[in-house]
C-alpha atoms as a PDB file:
ATOM      1  CA  UNK A   1     -29.203-109.808-228.806  1.00  0.00           C
ATOM      2  CA  UNK A   2     -27.950-110.281-224.714  1.00  0.00           C
ATOM      3  CA  UNK A   3     -24.148-108.839-225.233  1.00  0.00           C
ATOM      4  CA  UNK A   4     -25.433-105.707-227.097  1.00  0.00           C
ATOM      5  CA  UNK A   5     -27.734-102.886-224.963  1.00  0.00           C
ATOM      6  CA  UNK A   6     -29.907-100.412-227.596  1.00  0.00           C
ATOM      7  CA  UNK A   7     -30.478 -97.124-227.044  1.00  0.00           C
ATOM      8  CA  UNK A   8     -33.273 -95.216-228.609  1.00  0.00           C
ATOM      9  CA  UNK A   9     -33.159 -91.654-229.426  1.00  0.00           C
ATOM     10  CA  UNK A  10     -36.222 -89.758-229.585  1.00  0.00           C
ATOM     11  CA  UNK A  11     -36.629 -85.987-231.012  1.00  0.00           C
ATOM     12  CA  UNK A  12     -38.920 -84.309-233.815  1.00  0.00           C
ATOM     13  CA  UNK A  13     -37.216 -85.770-236.397  1.00  0.00           C
ATOM     14  CA  UNK A  14     -37.832 -89.663-235.560  1.00  0.00           C
ATOM     15  CA  UNK A  15     -36.755 -92.191-233.546  1.00  0.00           C
ATOM     16  CA  UNK A  16     -33.314 -92.720-234.065  1.00  0.00           C
ATOM     17  CA  UNK A  17     -31.965 -96.672-232.641  1.00  0.00           C
ATOM     18  CA  UNK A  18     -28.277 -97.717-231.176  1.00  0.00           C
ATOM     19  CA  UNK A  19     -26.451-100.394-229.977  1.00  0.00           C
ATOM     20  CA  UNK A  20     -23.823-100.608-227.333  1.00  0.00           C
ATOM     21  CA  UNK A  21     -21.948-102.953-226.770  1.00  0.00           C
ATOM     22  CA  UNK A  22     -20.915-105.085-223.455  1.00  0.00           C
ATOM     23  CA  UNK A  23     -17.048-103.455-223.141  1.00  0.00           C
ATOM     24  CA  UNK A  24     -19.145-100.406-223.759  1.00  0.00           C
ATOM     25  CA  UNK A  25     -22.204-100.593-221.890  1.00  0.00           C
ATOM     26  CA  UNK A  26     -19.658-101.701-218.486  1.00  0.00           C
ATOM     27  CA  UNK A  27     -17.732 -98.146-219.226  1.00  0.00           C
ATOM     28  CA  UNK A  28     -20.625 -96.599-218.799  1.00  0.00           C
ATOM     29  CA  UNK A  29     -21.597 -97.954-215.809  1.00  0.00           C
ATOM     30  CA  UNK A  30     -18.109 -97.027-214.247  1.00  0.00           C
ATOM     31  CA  UNK A  31     -18.825 -93.732-216.096  1.00  0.00           C
ATOM     32  CA  UNK A  32     -22.064 -93.185-214.384  1.00  0.00           C
ATOM     33  CA  UNK A  33     -20.504 -94.702-210.893  1.00  0.00           C
ATOM     34  CA  UNK A  34     -17.361 -92.360-211.305  1.00  0.00           C
ATOM     35  CA  UNK A  35     -19.956 -89.946-211.778  1.00  0.00           C
ATOM     36  CA  UNK A  36     -22.083 -90.149-208.203  1.00  0.00           C
ATOM     37  CA  UNK A  37     -18.675 -91.398-206.356  1.00  0.00           C
ATOM     38  CA  UNK A  38     -17.383 -87.179-208.013  1.00  0.00           C
ATOM     39  CA  UNK A  39     -20.845 -85.678-206.945  1.00  0.00           C
ATOM     40  CA  UNK A  40     -21.097 -87.021-203.583  1.00  0.00           C
ATOM     41  CA  UNK A  41     -17.795 -87.147-202.410  1.00  0.00           C
ATOM     42  CA  UNK A  42     -17.383 -82.860-204.048  1.00  0.00           C
ATOM     43  CA  UNK A  43     -21.329 -82.662-201.995  1.00  0.00           C
ATOM     44  CA  UNK A  44     -19.452 -83.558-198.377  1.00  0.00           C
ATOM     45  CA  UNK A  45     -16.598 -81.782-199.388  1.00  0.00           C
ATOM     46  CA  UNK A  46     -19.014 -79.190-200.160  1.00  0.00           C
ATOM     47  CA  UNK A  47     -20.956 -79.919-196.268  1.00  0.00           C
ATOM     48  CA  UNK A  48     -17.549 -80.073-195.436  1.00  0.00           C
ATOM     49  CA  UNK A  49     -15.664 -76.283-195.838  1.00  0.00           C
ATOM     50  CA  UNK A  50     -19.818 -74.664-195.197  1.00  0.00           C
ATOM     51  CA  UNK A  51     -18.817 -75.719-191.803  1.00  0.00           C
ATOM     52  CA  UNK A  52     -15.939 -75.023-191.642  1.00  0.00           C
ATOM     53  CA  UNK A  53     -16.906 -70.992-193.212  1.00  0.00           C
ATOM     54  CA  UNK A  54     -19.382 -71.642-190.608  1.00  0.00           C
ATOM     55  CA  UNK A  55     -16.887 -71.748-187.623  1.00  0.00           C
ATOM     56  CA  UNK A  56     -14.910 -69.322-188.799  1.00  0.00           C
ATOM     57  CA  UNK A  57     -17.388 -66.687-189.120  1.00  0.00           C
ATOM     58  CA  UNK A  58     -17.948 -67.721-185.237  1.00  0.00           C
ATOM     59  CA  UNK A  59     -15.256 -67.402-184.969  1.00  0.00           C
ATOM     60  CA  UNK A  60     -14.352 -63.916-186.740  1.00  0.00           C
ATOM     61  CA  UNK A  61     -17.796 -62.594-184.804  1.00  0.00           C
ATOM     62  CA  UNK A  62     -15.908 -63.358-181.354  1.00  0.00           C
ATOM     63  CA  UNK A  63     -13.227 -61.418-182.995  1.00  0.00           C
ATOM     64  CA  UNK A  64     -14.768 -58.586-183.363  1.00  0.00           C
ATOM     65  CA  UNK A  65     -16.795 -58.164-179.916  1.00  0.00           C
ATOM     66  CA  UNK A  66     -13.083 -59.348-178.093  1.00  0.00           C
ATOM     67  CA  UNK A  67     -11.404 -56.265-180.499  1.00  0.00           C
ATOM     68  CA  UNK A  68     -14.441 -54.464-179.375  1.00  0.00           C
ATOM     69  CA  UNK A  69     -14.245 -55.478-176.416  1.00  0.00           C
ATOM     70  CA  UNK A  70     -10.641 -54.150-176.110  1.00  0.00           C
ATOM     71  CA  UNK A  71     -11.235 -50.725-178.020  1.00  0.00           C
ATOM     72  CA  UNK A  72     -13.391 -49.814-175.248  1.00  0.00           C
ATOM     73  CA  UNK A  73     -10.688 -50.890-172.029  1.00  0.00           C
ATOM     74  CA  UNK A  74      -8.282 -49.309-173.947  1.00  0.00           C
ATOM     75  CA  UNK A  75     -10.628 -45.889-173.997  1.00  0.00           C
ATOM     76  CA  UNK A  76     -10.665 -46.308-170.701  1.00  0.00           C
ATOM     77  CA  UNK A  77      -7.093 -46.981-169.720  1.00  0.00           C
ATOM     78  CA  UNK A  78      -6.083 -43.375-171.872  1.00  0.00           C
ATOM     79  CA  UNK A  79      -8.705 -42.060-169.905  1.00  0.00           C
ATOM     80  CA  UNK A  80      -7.132 -43.406-167.008  1.00  0.00           C
ATOM     81  CA  UNK A  81      -3.578 -42.113-168.463  1.00  0.00           C
ATOM     82  CA  UNK A  82      -4.952 -38.408-169.429  1.00  0.00           C
ATOM     83  CA  UNK A  83      -6.580 -38.003-165.639  1.00  0.00           C
ATOM     84  CA  UNK A  84      -3.744 -39.198-164.005  1.00  0.00           C
ATOM     85  CA  UNK A  85      -1.469 -36.917-165.986  1.00  0.00           C
ATOM     86  CA  UNK A  86      -2.947 -33.753-165.402  1.00  0.00           C
ATOM     87  CA  UNK A  87      -2.920 -34.808-161.667  1.00  0.00           C
ATOM     88  CA  UNK A  88       0.719 -35.209-161.979  1.00  0.00           C
ATOM     89  CA  UNK A  89       0.693 -31.689-163.639  1.00  0.00           C
ATOM     90  CA  UNK A  90      -1.342 -29.959-161.374  1.00  0.00           C
ATOM     91  CA  UNK A  91       0.750 -32.177-158.725  1.00  0.00           C
ATOM     92  CA  UNK A  92       3.689 -30.365-160.184  1.00  0.00           C
ATOM     93  CA  UNK A  93       2.476 -27.255-160.594  1.00  0.00           C
ATOM     94  CA  UNK A  94       1.491 -27.133-157.131  1.00  0.00           C
ATOM     95  CA  UNK A  95       4.310 -28.642-156.559  1.00  0.00           C
ATOM     96  CA  UNK A  96       6.844 -25.352-158.754  1.00  0.00           C
ATOM     97  CA  UNK A  97       4.408 -23.594-157.003  1.00  0.00           C
ATOM     98  CA  UNK A  98       5.122 -25.007-152.927  1.00  0.00           C
ATOM     99  CA  UNK A  99       8.442 -24.349-153.999  1.00  0.00           C
ATOM    100  CA  UNK A 100       8.173 -20.456-154.885  1.00  0.00           C
ATOM    101  CA  UNK A 101       6.654 -19.163-151.919  1.00  0.00           C
ATOM    102  CA  UNK A 102       9.502 -21.570-149.714  1.00  0.00           C
ATOM    103  CA  UNK A 103      12.034 -19.403-151.890  1.00  0.00           C
ATOM    104  CA  UNK A 104      10.435 -15.759-150.927  1.00  0.00           C
ATOM    105  CA  UNK A 105       9.261 -17.361-148.126  1.00  0.00           C
ATOM    106  CA  UNK A 106      13.047 -17.483-147.343  1.00  0.00           C
ATOM    107  CA  UNK A 107      14.360 -14.416-149.305  1.00  0.00           C
ATOM    108  CA  UNK A 108      11.300 -12.651-146.684  1.00  0.00           C
ATOM    109  CA  UNK A 109      12.548 -13.606-143.349  1.00  0.00           C
ATOM    110  CA  UNK A 110      16.371 -12.428-145.044  1.00  0.00           C
ATOM    111  CA  UNK A 111      15.456  -9.585-145.559  1.00  0.00           C
ATOM    112  CA  UNK A 112      12.906  -8.216-142.467  1.00  0.00           C
ATOM    113  CA  UNK A 113      16.625 -10.197-140.985  1.00  0.00           C
ATOM    114  CA  UNK A 114      18.984  -6.992-142.991  1.00  0.00           C
ATOM    115  CA  UNK A 115      15.661  -4.680-141.825  1.00  0.00           C
ATOM    116  CA  UNK A 116      15.948  -5.283-138.444  1.00  0.00           C
ATOM    117  CA  UNK A 117      19.356  -5.105-138.121  1.00  0.00           C
ATOM    118  CA  UNK A 118      19.605  -8.710-136.713  1.00  0.00           C
ATOM    119  CA  UNK A 119      23.665  -9.259-136.912  1.00  0.00           C
ATOM    120  CA  UNK A 120      25.996 -11.094-134.659  1.00  0.00           C
ATOM    121  CA  UNK A 121      27.104  -7.803-133.220  1.00  0.00           C
ATOM    122  CA  UNK A 122      26.348  -4.403-132.613  1.00  0.00           C
ATOM    123  CA  UNK A 123      27.431  -1.913-134.762  1.00  0.00           C
ATOM    124  CA  UNK A 124      30.493  -0.389-132.364  1.00  0.00           C
ATOM    125  CA  UNK A 125      33.596   1.610-132.974  1.00  0.00           C
ATOM    126  CA  UNK A 126      35.926   0.324-134.939  1.00  0.00           C
ATOM    127  CA  UNK A 127      38.419   0.239-132.318  1.00  0.00           C
ATOM    128  CA  UNK A 128      36.735  -1.349-130.074  1.00  0.00           C
ATOM    129  CA  UNK A 129      36.385  -3.797-132.718  1.00  0.00           C
ATOM    130  CA  UNK A 130      39.809  -4.418-134.335  1.00  0.00           C
ATOM    131  CA  UNK A 131      42.963  -3.191-134.080  1.00  0.00           C
ATOM    132  CA  UNK A 132      44.646  -2.966-137.280  1.00  0.00           C
ATOM    133  CA  UNK A 133      47.309  -0.896-136.231  1.00  0.00           C
ATOM    134  CA  UNK A 134      49.051  -4.104-134.489  1.00  0.00           C
ATOM    135  CA  UNK A 135      48.601  -6.533-137.625  1.00  0.00           C
ATOM    136  CA  UNK A 136      51.300  -7.091-139.415  1.00  0.00           C
ATOM    137  CA  UNK A 137      51.486  -7.501-142.782  1.00  0.00           C
ATOM    138  CA  UNK A 138      51.686 -10.864-142.706  1.00  0.00           C
ATOM    139  CA  UNK A 139      48.746 -11.031-140.746  1.00  0.00           C
ATOM    140  CA  UNK A 140      46.918  -8.571-143.814  1.00  0.00           C
ATOM    141  CA  UNK A 141      47.885 -10.444-146.392  1.00  0.00           C
ATOM    142  CA  UNK A 142      46.607 -13.988-144.821  1.00  0.00           C
ATOM    143  CA  UNK A 143      43.165 -12.329-144.043  1.00  0.00           C
ATOM    144  CA  UNK A 144      42.413 -10.913-147.487  1.00  0.00           C
ATOM    145  CA  UNK A 145      44.161 -13.886-148.908  1.00  0.00           C
ATOM    146  CA  UNK A 146      41.301 -16.450-146.649  1.00  0.00           C
ATOM    147  CA  UNK A 147      38.248 -13.861-146.600  1.00  0.00           C
ATOM    148  CA  UNK A 148      36.479 -13.446-150.107  1.00  0.00           C
ATOM    149  CA  UNK A 149      37.923 -10.220-151.075  1.00  0.00           C
ATOM    150  CA  UNK A 150      37.851  -8.592-154.509  1.00  0.00           C
ATOM    151  CA  UNK A 151      36.342  -9.029-157.755  1.00  0.00           C
ATOM    152  CA  UNK A 152      35.515 -12.276-158.920  1.00  0.00           C
ATOM    153  CA  UNK A 153      35.652 -10.792-162.938  1.00  0.00           C
ATOM    154  CA  UNK A 154      38.417  -7.520-164.109  1.00  0.00           C
ATOM    155  CA  UNK A 155      37.465  -4.599-165.263  1.00  0.00           C
ATOM    156  CA  UNK A 156      34.125  -5.449-163.261  1.00  0.00           C
ATOM    157  CA  UNK A 157      30.841  -3.696-163.726  1.00  0.00           C
ATOM    158  CA  UNK A 158      28.144  -3.808-161.636  1.00  0.00           C
ATOM    159  CA  UNK A 159      25.087  -3.993-163.166  1.00  0.00           C
ATOM    160  CA  UNK A 160      22.487  -4.806-160.328  1.00  0.00           C
ATOM    161  CA  UNK A 161      23.379  -4.406-156.345  1.00  0.00           C
ATOM    162  CA  UNK A 162      22.663  -5.751-152.398  1.00  0.00           C
ATOM    163  CA  UNK A 163      18.847  -5.056-151.978  1.00  0.00           C
ATOM    164  CA  UNK A 164      15.254  -4.954-152.945  1.00  0.00           C
ATOM    165  CA  UNK A 165      15.121  -3.776-156.464  1.00  0.00           C
ATOM    166  CA  UNK A 166      12.082  -4.749-159.301  1.00  0.00           C
ATOM    167  CA  UNK A 167      12.907  -8.813-160.394  1.00  0.00           C
ATOM    168  CA  UNK A 168      14.159  -8.322-164.026  1.00  0.00           C
ATOM    169  CA  UNK A 169      11.489 -11.790-165.109  1.00  0.00           C
ATOM    170  CA  UNK A 170       8.853 -11.255-162.341  1.00  0.00           C
ATOM    171  CA  UNK A 171       8.215  -8.011-162.584  1.00  0.00           C
ATOM    172  CA  UNK A 172       7.465  -7.464-158.696  1.00  0.00           C
ATOM    173  CA  UNK A 173       9.928  -6.023-156.072  1.00  0.00           C
ATOM    174  CA  UNK A 174      12.064  -8.439-154.880  1.00  0.00           C
ATOM    175  CA  UNK A 175      16.050  -8.087-152.257  1.00  0.00           C
ATOM    176  CA  UNK A 176      18.641  -8.916-154.233  1.00  0.00           C
ATOM    177  CA  UNK A 177      21.122 -10.832-152.057  1.00  0.00           C
ATOM    178  CA  UNK A 178      24.634 -10.369-154.536  1.00  0.00           C
ATOM    179  CA  UNK A 179      25.024  -7.797-156.906  1.00  0.00           C
ATOM    180  CA  UNK A 180      25.527  -8.811-159.956  1.00  0.00           C
ATOM    181  CA  UNK A 181      28.424  -8.587-162.697  1.00  0.00           C
ATOM    182  CA  UNK A 182      28.474  -7.572-166.374  1.00  0.00           C
ATOM    183  CA  UNK A 183      30.718 -10.058-168.553  1.00  0.00           C
ATOM    184  CA  UNK A 184      30.098 -11.676-171.757  1.00  0.00           C
ATOM    185  CA  UNK A 185      30.105 -15.202-171.962  1.00  0.00           C
ATOM    186  CA  UNK A 186      33.017 -16.583-171.211  1.00  0.00           C
ATOM    187  CA  UNK A 187      34.889 -14.556-169.195  1.00  0.00           C
ATOM    188  CA  UNK A 188      37.252 -16.014-166.590  1.00  0.00           C
ATOM    189  CA  UNK A 189      35.641 -15.938-162.998  1.00  0.00           C
ATOM    190  CA  UNK A 190      38.294 -15.642-160.221  1.00  0.00           C
ATOM    191  CA  UNK A 191      37.976 -17.256-157.076  1.00  0.00           C
ATOM    192  CA  UNK A 192      38.059 -14.141-154.300  1.00  0.00           C
ATOM    193  CA  UNK A 193      39.911 -16.304-151.866  1.00  0.00           C
ATOM    194  CA  UNK A 194      41.146 -19.172-150.738  1.00  0.00           C
ATOM    195  CA  UNK A 195      39.121 -22.094-150.083  1.00  0.00           C
ATOM    196  CA  UNK A 196      37.147 -25.492-151.538  1.00  0.00           C
ATOM    197  CA  UNK A 197      34.479 -25.804-153.924  1.00  0.00           C
ATOM    198  CA  UNK A 198      31.824 -27.288-152.024  1.00  0.00           C
ATOM    199  CA  UNK A 199      29.300 -27.199-154.586  1.00  0.00           C
ATOM    200  CA  UNK A 200      30.142 -26.976-159.102  1.00  0.00           C
ATOM    201  CA  UNK A 201      26.416 -28.253-161.610  1.00  0.00           C
ATOM    202  CA  UNK A 202      23.505 -27.042-162.539  1.00  0.00           C
ATOM    203  CA  UNK A 203      20.952 -25.425-159.752  1.00  0.00           C
ATOM    204  CA  UNK A 204      17.544 -25.605-161.163  1.00  0.00           C
ATOM    205  CA  UNK A 205      15.212 -24.657-158.617  1.00  0.00           C
ATOM    206  CA  UNK A 206      16.963 -21.493-157.472  1.00  0.00           C
ATOM    207  CA  UNK A 207      17.150 -20.094-161.038  1.00  0.00           C
ATOM    208  CA  UNK A 208      20.960 -20.294-160.525  1.00  0.00           C
ATOM    209  CA  UNK A 209      21.954 -22.191-163.653  1.00  0.00           C
ATOM    210  CA  UNK A 210      25.750 -23.918-163.537  1.00  0.00           C
ATOM    211  CA  UNK A 211      27.201 -22.399-160.519  1.00  0.00           C
ATOM    212  CA  UNK A 212      29.858 -23.310-158.809  1.00  0.00           C
ATOM    213  CA  UNK A 213      30.375 -22.296-154.443  1.00  0.00           C
ATOM    214  CA  UNK A 214      33.294 -22.258-152.797  1.00  0.00           C
ATOM    215  CA  UNK A 215      33.759 -22.442-149.326  1.00  0.00           C
ATOM    216  CA  UNK A 216      36.454 -20.291-147.054  1.00  0.00           C
ATOM    217  CA  UNK A 217      37.850 -20.059-143.998  1.00  0.00           C
ATOM    218  CA  UNK A 218      36.090 -18.532-140.610  1.00  0.00           C
ATOM    219  CA  UNK A 219      32.821 -20.183-141.683  1.00  0.00           C
ATOM    220  CA  UNK A 220      32.563 -17.466-145.738  1.00  0.00           C
ATOM    221  CA  UNK A 221      31.128 -19.076-148.507  1.00  0.00           C
ATOM    222  CA  UNK A 222      30.836 -17.085-151.923  1.00  0.00           C
ATOM    223  CA  UNK A 223      28.622 -18.002-154.434  1.00  0.00           C
ATOM    224  CA  UNK A 224      29.076 -17.707-158.263  1.00  0.00           C
ATOM    225  CA  UNK A 225      26.082 -17.939-160.508  1.00  0.00           C
ATOM    226  CA  UNK A 226      24.844 -17.543-164.014  1.00  0.00           C
ATOM    227  CA  UNK A 227      28.045 -19.782-166.153  1.00  0.00           C
ATOM    228  CA  UNK A 228      28.498 -20.822-168.761  1.00  0.00           C
ATOM    229  CA  UNK A 229      31.007 -23.472-167.889  1.00  0.00           C
ATOM    230  CA  UNK A 230      32.287 -24.506-164.206  1.00  0.00           C
ATOM    231  CA  UNK A 231      36.370 -25.282-164.398  1.00  0.00           C
ATOM    232  CA  UNK A 232      37.115 -27.027-160.756  1.00  0.00           C
ATOM    233  CA  UNK A 233      35.534 -30.261-158.938  1.00  0.00           C
ATOM    234  CA  UNK A 234      34.096 -30.885-155.801  1.00  0.00           C
ATOM    235  CA  UNK A 235      36.396 -30.888-153.455  1.00  0.00           C
ATOM    236  CA  UNK A 236      39.426 -29.044-154.711  1.00  0.00           C
ATOM    237  CA  UNK A 237      41.351 -27.110-153.616  1.00  0.00           C
ATOM    238  CA  UNK A 238      41.707 -23.314-155.053  1.00  0.00           C
ATOM    239  CA  UNK A 239      43.276 -19.799-154.637  1.00  0.00           C
ATOM    240  CA  UNK A 240      42.462 -16.442-154.204  1.00  0.00           C
ATOM    241  CA  UNK A 241      42.929 -14.592-157.947  1.00  0.00           C
ATOM    242  CA  UNK A 242      42.087 -18.437-159.433  1.00  0.00           C
ATOM    243  CA  UNK A 243      40.074 -18.756-162.600  1.00  0.00           C
ATOM    244  CA  UNK A 244      37.664 -21.345-161.345  1.00  0.00           C
ATOM    245  CA  UNK A 245      34.806 -20.857-164.422  1.00  0.00           C
ATOM    246  CA  UNK A 246      33.521 -18.605-167.195  1.00  0.00           C
ATOM    247  CA  UNK A 247      30.795 -16.419-167.073  1.00  0.00           C
ATOM    248  CA  UNK A 248      27.513 -17.463-169.610  1.00  0.00           C
ATOM    249  CA  UNK A 249      23.895 -17.059-168.926  1.00  0.00           C
ATOM    250  CA  UNK A 250      22.957 -20.169-167.638  1.00  0.00           C
ATOM    251  CA  UNK A 251      19.596 -20.312-165.170  1.00  0.00           C
ATOM    252  CA  UNK A 252      16.384 -17.651-164.604  1.00  0.00           C
ATOM    253  CA  UNK A 253      18.058 -14.716-166.958  1.00  0.00           C
ATOM    254  CA  UNK A 254      17.835 -11.604-168.950  1.00  0.00           C
ATOM    255  CA  UNK A 255      21.069 -11.732-170.323  1.00  0.00           C
ATOM    256  CA  UNK A 256      24.342 -12.839-169.566  1.00  0.00           C
ATOM    257  CA  UNK A 257      26.095 -11.988-166.226  1.00  0.00           C
ATOM    258  CA  UNK A 258      27.434 -13.190-163.579  1.00  0.00           C
ATOM    259  CA  UNK A 259      25.971 -13.426-159.586  1.00  0.00           C
ATOM    260  CA  UNK A 260      28.087 -13.026-156.680  1.00  0.00           C
ATOM    261  CA  UNK A 261      27.105 -13.695-153.544  1.00  0.00           C
ATOM    262  CA  UNK A 262      28.755 -13.586-150.172  1.00  0.00           C
ATOM    263  CA  UNK A 263      27.708 -15.412-147.365  1.00  0.00           C
ATOM    264  CA  UNK A 264      28.456 -16.074-143.701  1.00  0.00           C
ATOM    265  CA  UNK A 265      27.061 -19.113-141.568  1.00  0.00           C
ATOM    266  CA  UNK A 266      24.358 -18.585-144.131  1.00  0.00           C
ATOM    267  CA  UNK A 267      23.721 -15.279-143.659  1.00  0.00           C
ATOM    268  CA  UNK A 268      23.886 -13.007-147.715  1.00  0.00           C
ATOM    269  CA  UNK A 269      26.258 -10.659-146.685  1.00  0.00           C
ATOM    270  CA  UNK A 270      26.258  -7.363-148.682  1.00  0.00           C
ATOM    271  CA  UNK A 271      29.707  -7.869-151.359  1.00  0.00           C
ATOM    272  CA  UNK A 272      29.594  -3.703-152.396  1.00  0.00           C
ATOM    273  CA  UNK A 273      32.135  -3.599-148.737  1.00  0.00           C
ATOM    274  CA  UNK A 274      34.084  -6.438-150.107  1.00  0.00           C
ATOM    275  CA  UNK A 275      34.580  -5.839-153.598  1.00  0.00           C
ATOM    276  CA  UNK A 276      36.426  -2.980-152.495  1.00  0.00           C
ATOM    277  CA  UNK A 277      38.416  -4.374-149.587  1.00  0.00           C
ATOM    278  CA  UNK A 278      41.772  -4.502-150.698  1.00  0.00           C
ATOM    279  CA  UNK A 279      45.289  -3.310-148.815  1.00  0.00           C
ATOM    280  CA  UNK A 280      45.150   0.674-149.788  1.00  0.00           C
ATOM    281  CA  UNK A 281      40.979   0.310-147.954  1.00  0.00           C
ATOM    282  CA  UNK A 282      41.865  -2.010-145.205  1.00  0.00           C
ATOM    283  CA  UNK A 283      39.478  -0.464-142.788  1.00  0.00           C
ATOM    284  CA  UNK A 284      36.736   0.143-144.993  1.00  0.00           C
ATOM    285  CA  UNK A 285      34.974  -3.273-144.982  1.00  0.00           C
ATOM    286  CA  UNK A 286      35.032  -2.883-141.014  1.00  0.00           C
ATOM    287  CA  UNK A 287      33.272  -0.506-140.991  1.00  0.00           C
ATOM    288  CA  UNK A 288      30.465  -1.433-143.667  1.00  0.00           C
ATOM    289  CA  UNK A 289      29.974  -4.808-142.432  1.00  0.00           C
ATOM    290  CA  UNK A 290      29.574  -4.840-138.564  1.00  0.00           C
ATOM    291  CA  UNK A 291      28.093  -8.271-138.779  1.00  0.00           C
ATOM    292  CA  UNK A 292      31.184 -10.426-138.612  1.00  0.00           C
ATOM    293  CA  UNK A 293      33.333 -10.614-134.404  1.00  0.00           C
ATOM    294  CA  UNK A 294      36.462  -9.580-136.828  1.00  0.00           C
ATOM    295  CA  UNK A 295      38.088  -8.621-133.436  1.00  0.00           C
ATOM    296  CA  UNK A 296      38.240 -13.073-132.880  1.00  0.00           C
ATOM    297  CA  UNK A 297      38.699 -13.706-137.075  1.00  0.00           C
ATOM    298  CA  UNK A 298      41.636 -11.165-136.487  1.00  0.00           C
ATOM    299  CA  UNK A 299      43.004 -12.487-132.760  1.00  0.00           C
ATOM    300  CA  UNK A 300      42.794 -16.649-135.020  1.00  0.00           C
ATOM    301  CA  UNK A 301      44.931 -15.073-138.258  1.00  0.00           C
ATOM    302  CA  UNK A 302      47.964 -13.861-135.126  1.00  0.00           C
ATOM    303  CA  UNK A 303      47.461 -16.969-133.557  1.00  0.00           C
ATOM    304  CA  UNK A 304      48.628 -18.841-136.947  1.00  0.00           C
ATOM    305  CA  UNK A 305      51.468 -16.648-138.075  1.00  0.00           C
ATOM    306  CA  UNK A 306      52.984 -15.760-134.501  1.00  0.00           C
ATOM    307  CA  UNK A 307      56.188 -18.063-134.327  1.00  0.00           C
ATOM    308  CA  UNK A 308      56.663 -20.822-133.001  1.00  0.00           C
ATOM    309  CA  UNK A 309      58.188 -21.411-129.255  1.00  0.00           C
ATOM    310  CA  UNK A 310      60.794 -22.895-129.265  1.00  0.00           C
ATOM    311  CA  UNK A 311      60.698 -25.947-127.435  1.00  0.00           C
ATOM    312  CA  UNK A 312      63.051 -26.078-124.682  1.00  0.00           C
ATOM    313  CA  UNK A 313      65.372 -29.458-124.802  1.00  0.00           C
ATOM    314  CA  UNK A 314      63.765 -32.983-123.437  1.00  0.00           C
ATOM    315  CA  UNK A 315      68.255 -33.965-122.667  1.00  0.00           C
ATOM    316  CA  UNK A 316      69.349 -33.747-118.339  1.00  0.00           C
ATOM    317  CA  UNK A 317      72.337 -31.607-118.927  1.00  0.00           C
ATOM    318  CA  UNK A 318      75.950 -32.840-119.102  1.00  0.00           C
ATOM    319  CA  UNK A 319      77.729 -33.124-116.034  1.00  0.00           C
ATOM    320  CA  UNK A 320      80.836 -32.412-115.621  1.00  0.00           C
ATOM    321  CA  UNK A 321      83.436 -33.914-113.649  1.00  0.00           C
ATOM    322  CA  UNK A 322      86.559 -32.375-112.031  1.00  0.00           C
END
C-alpha cells in the first residue's frame, strides 16, 4: 500500500477509487512542477512585457509631445518665412518702382535738356561751322563711315520717331529717345558706322531686351534694341554695313520692331538726320544736328587723310674730292 497512491473521485453516481503506482505519482509531481514553473515563468514574462509596454507608451507620449512641439515650431517658421517673403516682395516692388522713377527722372531730365536747348554748341550758320566745300571726297567718305549714317535696316519703315509720344505699353506721354523701325523677326540689322561692340546681351531693366551697343569714333554710340539674335561679341570690330544682329521682339514691346538710338557723349540725339545722311545730302546733317561741333570733327578727319610729310634724310651729304 505504501507504493500506491489512491485517488478518490466522487460525483452524483457515487465514489470511485483509483490507485497510482510510485512511477505514476512521480510523473504527476513532475508534471505539476512543470506546470507551476511554466506559470511562474509566464507570469514573469507578462510582467516584463507589461513594463516594456508601459515604457513604450511613455515613449510614445513623449514623441507625441515632441511632434506637437515641432509642428508648432514649423507653423511659426512657416509664418516667419511667409512674412519674410512678403517683405522681400514688397522690397522688390519698391525697388522696381524706384528704378522706374529713376528711369522716368532720367528721361524727364533729358527731355528738359532738349526743351531748354542745352546744347554743346550754339546753332550757327553752316559756313561758320563747317566748310564742306573744302572737304575732299576721301574726307567725306571717312566721316560717313566713322559717324553713324544711313538706315540700320534695308527698306526701313519708321513707325515711331524721336520726341514726345504716348507710350504703347504704359499709356502715358513719354519722351521717345530713338526711333522704331518696323522689322519682322529675323530681319538683318546693319551697323551704321565702323565701331567696336561695347555691349551685346539681354538688358532687362531698360526694357530693351536683347541689346547691341556699338562705340564709334568721336564719342558716338548707336543702340539696337528688341533684337532676336546678336551675331557679334563684345570687343569685336565691325564695319559699316555689316550684319550685326537679327531683329526681334524681346523686352517690353507690343510687336516686332527695331529700336535705334544715336548718342554722343551719352547725349541722346535725334536719329532722323543721321538716317538721311549720305553723299547726295551731305550738308543736311550739319544743318539739322547742331549739338555736335562738326568743324572740329572735320579738322580731325582732315588730319587723318592728310599725306605724310616727307621725312628729311638723316644722313650727312656726301663730300666730293676734286
